Amino acid sequence: MNKTQTEIVMAYITAHPGATYRQILDATGCQVTTTNTLLGQQYRRGKLLRSGVKGDFSYIVAPGNEVHGWVDEEQVESDVHFGCANPLTRLFNECLAGVRA
């Protein structure tokens, strides 16, 4: 199953209404600029609603725009991967995080 980054972000917010930018970023594994751009685009298109102050928004999916299919990593029992669209980028980021820890 291959999802676009927009679908991944929207599915996460559908499953986790009220998620913050940082939670979305951490859970999806997408890059900072990509996540920021996607959230802004979906908000301007009316597909996302946000509340809070600039820099500390929480997001919910606007009614009728839900995207289902988010699976938390603990629930995945196969090699199907949900998160960053490029598995090599994710592997690199995991290795880099391990070195920095």
N, C-alpha and C. Protein backbone atom coordinates (compact mmCIF):
# COMPACT_ATOMS: atom_id res chain seq x y z
N MET A 1 0.85 -1.18 0.00
CA MET A 1 0.00 0.00 0.00
C MET A 1 0.89 1.23 0.00
N ASN A 2 0.71 2.08 -0.97
CA ASN A 2 1.54 3.26 -1.10
C ASN A 2 0.66 4.50 -0.97
N LYS A 3 0.89 5.29 0.06
CA LYS A 3 0.09 6.49 0.29
C LYS A 3 0.95 7.72 0.05
N THR A 4 0.29 8.79 -0.38
CA THR A 4 1.01 10.05 -0.51
C THR A 4 1.22 10.63 0.88
N GLN A 5 2.13 11.57 0.98
CA GLN A 5 2.38 12.19 2.28
C GLN A 5 1.15 12.94 2.76
N THR A 6 0.39 13.53 1.84
CA THR A 6 -0.85 14.21 2.23
C THR A 6 -1.83 13.22 2.84
N GLU A 7 -1.98 12.05 2.22
CA GLU A 7 -2.89 11.03 2.76
C GLU A 7 -2.42 10.54 4.13
N ILE A 8 -1.13 10.40 4.30
CA ILE A 8 -0.58 9.95 5.58
C ILE A 8 -0.89 10.97 6.67
N VAL A 9 -0.64 12.24 6.39
CA VAL A 9 -0.90 13.30 7.38
C VAL A 9 -2.39 13.39 7.69
N MET A 10 -3.23 13.36 6.66
CA MET A 10 -4.68 13.46 6.87
C MET A 10 -5.21 12.24 7.63
N ALA A 11 -4.69 11.05 7.32
CA ALA A 11 -5.12 9.85 8.04
C ALA A 11 -4.72 9.92 9.51
N TYR A 12 -3.52 10.45 9.79
CA TYR A 12 -3.09 10.58 11.18
C TYR A 12 -4.00 11.54 11.94
N ILE A 13 -4.31 12.68 11.34
CA ILE A 13 -5.16 13.67 12.02
C ILE A 13 -6.58 13.12 12.18
N THR A 14 -7.07 12.36 11.20
CA THR A 14 -8.38 11.73 11.34
C THR A 14 -8.39 10.81 12.56
N ALA A 15 -7.33 10.03 12.73
CA ALA A 15 -7.25 9.09 13.85
C ALA A 15 -6.90 9.76 15.17
N HIS A 16 -6.30 10.96 15.11
CA HIS A 16 -5.84 11.67 16.31
C HIS A 16 -6.29 13.13 16.26
N PRO A 17 -7.61 13.38 16.36
CA PRO A 17 -8.09 14.77 16.30
C PRO A 17 -7.49 15.62 17.42
N GLY A 18 -7.15 16.84 17.10
CA GLY A 18 -6.54 17.73 18.08
C GLY A 18 -5.03 17.58 18.16
N ALA A 19 -4.45 16.83 17.22
CA ALA A 19 -3.00 16.63 17.21
C ALA A 19 -2.28 17.95 16.92
N THR A 20 -1.15 18.13 17.56
CA THR A 20 -0.33 19.31 17.32
C THR A 20 0.63 19.06 16.16
N TYR A 21 1.22 20.13 15.67
CA TYR A 21 2.20 20.03 14.58
C TYR A 21 3.31 19.06 14.95
N ARG A 22 3.85 19.18 16.15
CA ARG A 22 4.96 18.32 16.59
C ARG A 22 4.53 16.86 16.64
N GLN A 23 3.32 16.58 17.14
CA GLN A 23 2.83 15.20 17.18
C GLN A 23 2.69 14.63 15.77
N ILE A 24 2.15 15.43 14.87
CA ILE A 24 1.98 15.00 13.48
C ILE A 24 3.35 14.72 12.85
N LEU A 25 4.27 15.62 13.06
CA LEU A 25 5.62 15.49 12.52
C LEU A 25 6.30 14.22 13.04
N ASP A 26 6.25 14.00 14.35
CA ASP A 26 6.89 12.83 14.95
C ASP A 26 6.25 11.52 14.49
N ALA A 27 4.93 11.50 14.41
CA ALA A 27 4.22 10.26 14.08
C ALA A 27 4.36 9.87 12.62
N THR A 28 4.36 10.84 11.72
CA THR A 28 4.39 10.51 10.29
C THR A 28 5.80 10.31 9.76
N GLY A 29 6.79 10.89 10.41
CA GLY A 29 8.16 10.75 9.94
C GLY A 29 8.47 11.58 8.71
N CYS A 30 7.56 12.46 8.33
CA CYS A 30 7.80 13.33 7.17
C CYS A 30 8.69 14.50 7.57
N GLN A 31 9.29 15.13 6.60
CA GLN A 31 10.19 16.24 6.88
C GLN A 31 9.44 17.46 7.39
N VAL A 32 10.15 18.32 8.11
CA VAL A 32 9.57 19.51 8.73
C VAL A 32 8.89 20.40 7.68
N THR A 33 9.61 20.74 6.62
CA THR A 33 9.04 21.65 5.63
C THR A 33 7.86 21.02 4.90
N THR A 34 7.94 19.72 4.64
CA THR A 34 6.84 19.02 3.97
C THR A 34 5.59 19.05 4.83
N THR A 35 5.74 18.72 6.11
CA THR A 35 4.60 18.70 7.02
C THR A 35 4.00 20.09 7.15
N ASN A 36 4.84 21.09 7.32
CA ASN A 36 4.37 22.46 7.46
C ASN A 36 3.59 22.90 6.21
N THR A 37 4.13 22.60 5.04
CA THR A 37 3.47 22.95 3.78
C THR A 37 2.13 22.24 3.63
N LEU A 38 2.11 20.93 3.92
CA LEU A 38 0.87 20.16 3.80
C LEU A 38 -0.21 20.68 4.73
N LEU A 39 0.15 20.97 5.97
CA LEU A 39 -0.85 21.47 6.92
C LEU A 39 -1.41 22.81 6.45
N GLY A 40 -0.54 23.69 5.98
CA GLY A 40 -0.99 24.99 5.49
C GLY A 40 -1.90 24.87 4.28
N GLN A 41 -1.53 24.01 3.33
CA GLN A 41 -2.35 23.82 2.13
C GLN A 41 -3.72 23.24 2.48
N GLN A 42 -3.73 22.23 3.31
CA GLN A 42 -5.00 21.58 3.65
C GLN A 42 -5.89 22.53 4.46
N TYR A 43 -5.30 23.38 5.28
CA TYR A 43 -6.07 24.38 6.03
C TYR A 43 -6.68 25.40 5.07
N ARG A 44 -5.88 25.92 4.14
CA ARG A 44 -6.38 26.91 3.18
C ARG A 44 -7.46 26.33 2.26
N ARG A 45 -7.39 25.05 1.98
CA ARG A 45 -8.39 24.39 1.13
C ARG A 45 -9.65 24.02 1.90
N GLY A 46 -9.64 24.24 3.21
CA GLY A 46 -10.81 23.94 4.03
C GLY A 46 -10.93 22.49 4.44
N LYS A 47 -9.87 21.71 4.24
CA LYS A 47 -9.90 20.30 4.61
C LYS A 47 -9.47 20.06 6.05
N LEU A 48 -8.79 21.04 6.63
CA LEU A 48 -8.38 20.97 8.03
C LEU A 48 -8.90 22.19 8.77
N LEU A 49 -9.21 22.00 10.03
CA LEU A 49 -9.54 23.10 10.92
C LEU A 49 -8.44 23.16 11.96
N ARG A 50 -8.10 24.36 12.38
CA ARG A 50 -7.06 24.47 13.40
C ARG A 50 -7.50 25.45 14.47
N SER A 51 -6.95 25.24 15.65
CA SER A 51 -7.24 26.15 16.76
C SER A 51 -5.95 26.39 17.52
N GLY A 52 -5.95 27.44 18.32
CA GLY A 52 -4.76 27.79 19.07
C GLY A 52 -4.13 29.04 18.51
N VAL A 53 -2.94 29.33 18.97
CA VAL A 53 -2.21 30.51 18.53
C VAL A 53 -1.12 30.09 17.54
N LYS A 54 -0.68 31.03 16.71
CA LYS A 54 0.33 30.73 15.71
C LYS A 54 1.55 30.10 16.36
N GLY A 55 1.99 29.00 15.79
CA GLY A 55 3.12 28.27 16.33
C GLY A 55 2.73 27.18 17.30
N ASP A 56 1.46 27.16 17.70
CA ASP A 56 0.99 26.14 18.65
C ASP A 56 -0.43 25.70 18.27
N PHE A 57 -0.65 25.45 16.99
CA PHE A 57 -1.97 25.04 16.52
C PHE A 57 -2.21 23.56 16.82
N SER A 58 -3.48 23.23 17.00
CA SER A 58 -3.90 21.83 16.99
C SER A 58 -4.86 21.68 15.82
N TYR A 59 -4.88 20.51 15.22
CA TYR A 59 -5.60 20.30 13.97
C TYR A 59 -6.66 19.21 14.10
N ILE A 60 -7.78 19.41 13.39
CA ILE A 60 -8.79 18.37 13.20
C ILE A 60 -9.18 18.40 11.73
N VAL A 61 -9.66 17.26 11.25
CA VAL A 61 -10.08 17.17 9.85
C VAL A 61 -11.50 17.72 9.74
N ALA A 62 -11.72 18.58 8.75
CA ALA A 62 -13.05 19.15 8.52
C ALA A 62 -14.02 18.02 8.15
N PRO A 63 -15.26 18.11 8.61
CA PRO A 63 -16.24 17.06 8.30
C PRO A 63 -16.32 16.79 6.79
N GLY A 64 -16.35 15.52 6.46
CA GLY A 64 -16.42 15.10 5.06
C GLY A 64 -15.08 14.94 4.38
N ASN A 65 -13.99 15.25 5.08
CA ASN A 65 -12.65 15.14 4.51
C ASN A 65 -11.79 14.08 5.21
N GLU A 66 -12.41 13.23 5.99
CA GLU A 66 -11.68 12.23 6.75
C GLU A 66 -10.95 11.26 5.81
N VAL A 67 -9.76 10.87 6.21
CA VAL A 67 -8.99 9.85 5.48
C VAL A 67 -8.68 8.77 6.49
N HIS A 68 -9.20 7.58 6.24
CA HIS A 68 -9.01 6.48 7.19
C HIS A 68 -7.86 5.60 6.74
N GLY A 69 -7.34 4.84 7.64
CA GLY A 69 -6.27 3.92 7.30
C GLY A 69 -5.00 4.12 8.09
N TRP A 70 -5.00 5.07 9.03
CA TRP A 70 -3.80 5.25 9.86
C TRP A 70 -3.67 4.06 10.78
N VAL A 71 -2.47 3.51 10.87
CA VAL A 71 -2.19 2.40 11.76
C VAL A 71 -0.97 2.79 12.58
N ASP A 72 -1.13 2.80 13.91
CA ASP A 72 0.01 3.11 14.77
C ASP A 72 1.05 2.01 14.61
N GLU A 73 2.32 2.35 14.70
CA GLU A 73 3.39 1.38 14.46
C GLU A 73 3.29 0.16 15.34
N GLU A 74 2.78 0.30 16.56
CA GLU A 74 2.65 -0.85 17.45
C GLU A 74 1.66 -1.86 16.90
N GLN A 75 0.72 -1.41 16.06
CA GLN A 75 -0.30 -2.30 15.53
C GLN A 75 0.15 -3.01 14.26
N VAL A 76 1.21 -2.56 13.65
CA VAL A 76 1.65 -3.13 12.39
C VAL A 76 2.40 -4.42 12.66
N GLU A 77 1.91 -5.52 12.10
CA GLU A 77 2.55 -6.81 12.32
C GLU A 77 3.15 -7.37 11.04
N SER A 78 3.10 -6.61 9.97
CA SER A 78 3.69 -7.05 8.72
C SER A 78 4.75 -6.04 8.32
N ASP A 79 5.27 -6.19 7.13
CA ASP A 79 6.29 -5.25 6.69
C ASP A 79 5.70 -4.03 6.00
N VAL A 80 4.39 -3.87 6.07
CA VAL A 80 3.75 -2.68 5.53
C VAL A 80 4.16 -1.50 6.40
N HIS A 81 4.64 -0.44 5.77
CA HIS A 81 5.15 0.70 6.54
C HIS A 81 4.31 1.94 6.27
N PHE A 82 3.83 2.54 7.33
CA PHE A 82 3.11 3.81 7.23
C PHE A 82 4.01 4.87 7.83
N GLY A 83 4.17 5.95 7.18
CA GLY A 83 5.03 7.01 7.68
C GLY A 83 5.67 7.72 6.51
N CYS A 84 6.94 7.99 6.62
CA CYS A 84 7.64 8.69 5.56
C CYS A 84 7.53 7.90 4.25
N ALA A 85 7.25 8.57 3.17
CA ALA A 85 7.03 7.90 1.89
C ALA A 85 8.28 7.20 1.38
N ASN A 86 9.45 7.65 1.76
CA ASN A 86 10.68 7.04 1.29
C ASN A 86 11.31 6.23 2.43
N PRO A 87 11.31 4.89 2.32
CA PRO A 87 11.85 4.06 3.41
C PRO A 87 13.34 4.30 3.66
N LEU A 88 14.11 4.67 2.64
CA LEU A 88 15.52 4.94 2.86
C LEU A 88 15.73 6.21 3.68
N THR A 89 14.89 7.21 3.45
CA THR A 89 14.97 8.43 4.25
C THR A 89 14.65 8.12 5.71
N ARG A 90 13.63 7.31 5.93
CA ARG A 90 13.26 6.94 7.30
C ARG A 90 14.40 6.18 7.97
N LEU A 91 15.01 5.21 7.26
CA LEU A 91 16.12 4.45 7.81
C LEU A 91 17.29 5.37 8.15
N PHE A 92 17.60 6.29 7.25
CA PHE A 92 18.67 7.25 7.51
C PHE A 92 18.38 8.07 8.76
N ASN A 93 17.14 8.57 8.88
CA ASN A 93 16.77 9.38 10.04
C ASN A 93 16.85 8.57 11.33
N GLU A 94 16.44 7.29 11.29
CA GLU A 94 16.53 6.45 12.48
C GLU A 94 17.99 6.22 12.87
N CYS A 95 18.85 5.96 11.89
CA CYS A 95 20.28 5.76 12.18
C CYS A 95 20.91 7.03 12.73
N LEU A 96 20.57 8.16 12.13
CA LEU A 96 21.09 9.44 12.59
C LEU A 96 20.65 9.72 14.02
N ALA A 97 19.39 9.44 14.33
CA ALA A 97 18.89 9.64 15.69
C ALA A 97 19.64 8.74 16.67
N GLY A 98 19.95 7.52 16.26
CA GLY A 98 20.69 6.60 17.12
C GLY A 98 22.10 7.10 17.41
N VAL A 99 22.75 7.68 16.43
CA VAL A 99 24.10 8.21 16.61
C VAL A 99 24.08 9.42 17.52
N ARG A 100 23.06 10.25 17.38
CA ARG A 100 22.96 11.46 18.19
C ARG A 100 22.58 11.19 19.63
N ALA A 101 21.96 10.04 19.89
CA ALA A 101 21.47 9.74 21.25
C ALA A 101 22.59 9.40 22.19
